[in-house]
Amino acid sequence: MTGPTELRMTYIGNALLRRKAAPVTEFGPALEALLPRMIEIMRVEGGVGLAAPQAGLSKHFFILVANADDEEREADDIQLMANAEILEASRGEVVIEEGCLSVPGLRADVSRPERVRIAYDDIRGERHELEATGILARVIQHETDHCEGVLFIDRLSAGRRALLRREIDRITAEYAGR
C-alpha cells in the first residue's frame, strides 16, 4: 500500500477517480497507518467522508463521520469501511443537495435511497452489516460510488449535467494536474 505521507487530495479530471478501486486485502497496521493522513485531508477539505481514491489510493475503502447526523456532536466518530457493498436500498428516494471534495465548489440536487443496508469490513478485516438512514446513508452511498469510479455528477440527469457542463469543465481545468 501507498505510505500515508504520499496520500493527497485528488480532483475531477484525475483518472484514478474513474477507476474501480481494488479490494482491500491487507488489514491491521498497514491500513491503520493511512487513517491519520486521510482524516487530516477530510478535515482540511471540510468533508464528512473521504474515499481512498480521493486521497490518491486505488483501494476500496473510505472513512466517514459516523455521527454526521448528530448536530450536537462534540467530536467526530470516524469509521473506516472497506470493501463496502450495498445489499439493499429503499425504494423511495430523497433529493438532497450534494457536493464533493473532488469537485470543489459544485453542488447539485442528487436523488438517492433514504435507507441502505450494507456489508463492509472494518479495520481488522471483520465483516459487518449495517442499516443506515439519513445523512449516514447518503455519505455511505456517495463514498461507495467513489470506490466504483462514480462521481456524484454522474447521478445527475443528462439535462442537469448539460446545464452544469461549463462549470464542470471550468473546475476540471482549474484543478488539472493537482
Protein backbone atom coordinates (compact mmCIF):
# COMPACT_ATOMS: atom_id res chain seq x y z
CA MET A 1 0.00 0.00 0.00
CA THR A 2 1.00 3.61 -0.50
CA GLY A 3 2.59 5.30 2.50
CA PRO A 4 0.48 7.80 4.46
CA THR A 5 2.68 10.78 3.55
CA GLU A 6 2.07 10.08 -0.15
CA LEU A 7 -1.68 10.49 0.19
CA ARG A 8 -3.04 13.68 -1.36
CA MET A 9 -6.39 15.04 -2.42
CA THR A 10 -7.33 14.13 -5.99
CA TYR A 11 -9.70 16.16 -8.13
CA ILE A 12 -12.03 15.73 -11.08
CA GLY A 13 -10.00 15.01 -14.18
CA ASN A 14 -7.70 12.60 -12.34
CA ALA A 15 -8.15 9.18 -13.99
CA LEU A 16 -7.92 7.46 -10.59
CA LEU A 17 -11.37 8.82 -9.71
CA ARG A 18 -12.90 6.98 -12.70
CA ARG A 19 -11.39 3.55 -11.95
CA LYS A 20 -12.97 0.82 -9.89
CA ALA A 21 -10.76 0.51 -6.81
CA ALA A 22 -9.07 -2.76 -5.86
CA PRO A 23 -10.46 -4.67 -2.88
CA VAL A 24 -8.67 -4.27 0.42
CA THR A 25 -6.79 -7.45 1.30
CA GLU A 26 -4.34 -6.14 3.92
CA PHE A 27 -5.88 -5.15 7.22
CA GLY A 28 -4.45 -4.08 10.54
CA PRO A 29 -1.34 -1.88 10.84
CA ALA A 30 -0.88 -1.21 7.08
CA LEU A 31 -4.43 0.09 6.77
CA GLU A 32 -4.43 1.78 10.16
CA ALA A 33 -1.31 3.78 9.21
CA LEU A 34 -3.31 5.54 6.46
CA LEU A 35 -6.03 6.83 8.79
CA PRO A 36 -4.35 9.92 10.31
CA ARG A 37 -3.49 11.36 6.89
CA MET A 38 -6.93 10.58 5.46
CA ILE A 39 -8.62 12.16 8.47
CA GLU A 40 -6.39 15.21 8.06
CA ILE A 41 -7.30 15.53 4.35
CA MET A 42 -11.01 15.15 5.10
CA ARG A 43 -10.92 17.77 7.85
CA VAL A 44 -8.81 20.29 5.90
CA GLU A 45 -11.18 19.95 2.93
CA GLY A 46 -14.25 20.22 5.19
CA GLY A 47 -15.85 16.88 4.41
CA VAL A 48 -17.79 14.22 6.28
CA GLY A 49 -16.38 11.37 4.20
CA LEU A 50 -13.33 10.56 2.09
CA ALA A 51 -12.76 7.56 -0.16
CA ALA A 52 -9.27 6.18 -0.70
CA PRO A 53 -9.35 7.10 -4.44
CA GLN A 54 -9.94 10.73 -3.41
CA ALA A 55 -6.69 10.51 -1.43
CA GLY A 56 -4.78 9.07 -4.39
CA LEU A 57 -5.04 5.38 -3.48
CA SER A 58 -6.93 2.88 -5.64
CA LYS A 59 -8.26 0.79 -2.77
CA HIS A 60 -11.90 0.06 -1.94
CA PHE A 61 -12.29 1.78 1.42
CA PHE A 62 -13.43 5.06 2.85
CA ILE A 63 -13.69 6.92 6.11
CA LEU A 64 -16.70 8.85 7.29
CA VAL A 65 -18.04 10.78 10.22
CA ALA A 66 -20.41 8.11 11.53
CA ASN A 67 -22.26 10.61 13.73
CA ALA A 68 -22.72 13.21 10.96
CA ASP A 69 -26.50 13.22 11.62
CA ASP A 70 -25.91 14.37 15.20
CA GLU A 71 -25.84 18.18 15.05
CA GLU A 72 -24.83 18.36 18.72
CA ARG A 73 -21.85 16.01 18.44
CA GLU A 74 -18.86 17.10 20.45
CA ALA A 75 -16.33 15.10 18.45
CA ASP A 76 -16.36 13.21 15.17
CA ASP A 77 -16.84 9.46 15.36
CA ILE A 78 -14.60 8.42 12.43
CA GLN A 79 -15.30 5.00 10.97
CA LEU A 80 -13.46 3.07 8.24
CA MET A 81 -15.44 0.88 5.84
CA ALA A 82 -13.56 -1.41 3.46
CA ASN A 83 -14.97 -3.45 0.59
CA ALA A 84 -18.42 -1.98 1.24
CA GLU A 85 -21.30 -3.28 -0.78
CA ILE A 86 -24.89 -2.15 -0.74
CA LEU A 87 -27.05 -5.18 -0.07
CA GLU A 88 -30.40 -3.44 -0.11
CA ALA A 89 -31.74 0.05 -0.72
CA SER A 90 -35.15 1.55 -0.02
CA ARG A 91 -37.43 2.06 -2.99
CA GLY A 92 -38.26 5.66 -2.23
CA GLU A 93 -35.57 8.20 -2.95
CA VAL A 94 -34.85 11.56 -1.41
CA VAL A 95 -33.38 14.53 -3.25
CA ILE A 96 -30.74 16.44 -1.29
CA GLU A 97 -28.08 18.87 -2.41
CA GLU A 98 -24.67 17.19 -2.54
CA GLY A 99 -21.15 18.36 -3.10
CA CYS A 100 -17.87 16.54 -3.38
CA LEU A 101 -14.36 17.30 -2.16
CA SER A 102 -13.05 16.13 -5.55
CA VAL A 103 -15.32 18.58 -7.41
CA PRO A 104 -14.75 21.76 -5.36
CA GLY A 105 -17.38 24.45 -5.49
CA LEU A 106 -20.06 22.47 -7.30
CA ARG A 107 -23.27 21.47 -5.57
CA ALA A 108 -26.35 19.89 -7.10
CA ASP A 109 -29.50 18.04 -6.08
CA VAL A 110 -28.96 14.27 -6.15
CA SER A 111 -31.63 11.61 -5.72
CA ARG A 112 -30.59 8.64 -3.58
CA PRO A 113 -32.37 5.99 -1.50
CA GLU A 114 -33.17 7.17 2.03
CA ARG A 115 -32.14 3.84 3.58
CA VAL A 116 -29.44 1.31 2.74
CA ARG A 117 -28.26 -1.96 4.23
CA ILE A 118 -24.58 -2.58 3.62
CA ALA A 119 -21.88 -5.13 4.34
CA TYR A 120 -18.33 -3.93 4.94
CA ASP A 121 -15.04 -4.93 6.51
CA ASP A 122 -13.69 -2.98 9.47
CA ILE A 123 -10.04 -2.04 10.02
CA ARG A 124 -9.29 -5.56 11.31
CA GLY A 125 -10.94 -7.25 8.33
CA GLU A 126 -14.03 -8.35 10.26
CA ARG A 127 -17.24 -8.33 8.20
CA HIS A 128 -20.23 -6.33 9.46
CA GLU A 129 -23.69 -5.40 8.27
CA LEU A 130 -25.25 -2.01 8.92
CA GLU A 131 -28.57 -0.39 8.15
CA ALA A 132 -28.24 3.35 7.67
CA THR A 133 -30.69 6.18 7.05
CA GLY A 134 -30.47 9.93 6.57
CA ILE A 135 -27.12 11.64 6.10
CA LEU A 136 -25.17 8.50 7.04
CA ALA A 137 -26.90 6.52 4.26
CA ARG A 138 -26.16 9.31 1.79
CA VAL A 139 -22.47 9.54 2.75
CA ILE A 140 -22.09 5.76 2.51
CA GLN A 141 -23.63 5.76 -0.97
CA HIS A 142 -21.51 8.72 -2.10
CA GLU A 143 -18.25 7.17 -0.84
CA THR A 144 -19.12 3.71 -2.17
CA ASP A 145 -19.67 5.34 -5.56
CA HIS A 146 -16.12 6.77 -5.38
CA CYS A 147 -14.75 3.26 -4.87
CA GLU A 148 -16.64 2.22 -8.01
CA GLY A 149 -15.30 5.11 -10.11
CA VAL A 150 -18.56 7.10 -9.98
CA LEU A 151 -18.80 10.81 -9.12
CA PHE A 152 -21.94 12.48 -7.79
CA ILE A 153 -22.30 14.38 -11.08
CA ASP A 154 -22.84 11.01 -12.79
CA ARG A 155 -26.02 10.67 -10.71
CA LEU A 156 -27.50 13.83 -12.25
CA SER A 157 -29.91 13.73 -15.16
CA ALA A 158 -28.39 14.30 -18.59
CA GLY A 159 -30.20 17.64 -18.79
CA ARG A 160 -28.90 18.83 -15.42
CA ARG A 161 -25.36 17.72 -16.31
CA ALA A 162 -25.63 19.62 -19.59
CA LEU A 163 -26.65 22.76 -17.70
CA LEU A 164 -23.62 22.35 -15.41
CA ARG A 165 -21.18 21.36 -18.19
CA ARG A 166 -19.39 24.73 -18.34
CA GLU A 167 -18.92 24.79 -14.56
CA ILE A 168 -17.72 21.16 -14.52
CA ASP A 169 -15.25 21.91 -17.34
CA ARG A 170 -14.02 25.03 -15.52
CA ILE A 171 -13.42 23.11 -12.28
CA THR A 172 -11.73 20.28 -14.17
CA ALA A 173 -9.38 22.73 -15.91
CA GLU A 174 -8.66 24.65 -12.70
CA TYR A 175 -7.70 21.51 -10.77
CA ALA A 176 -5.90 19.68 -13.61
CA GLY A 177 -2.58 18.28 -12.50
CA ARG A 178 -3.23 18.71 -8.77
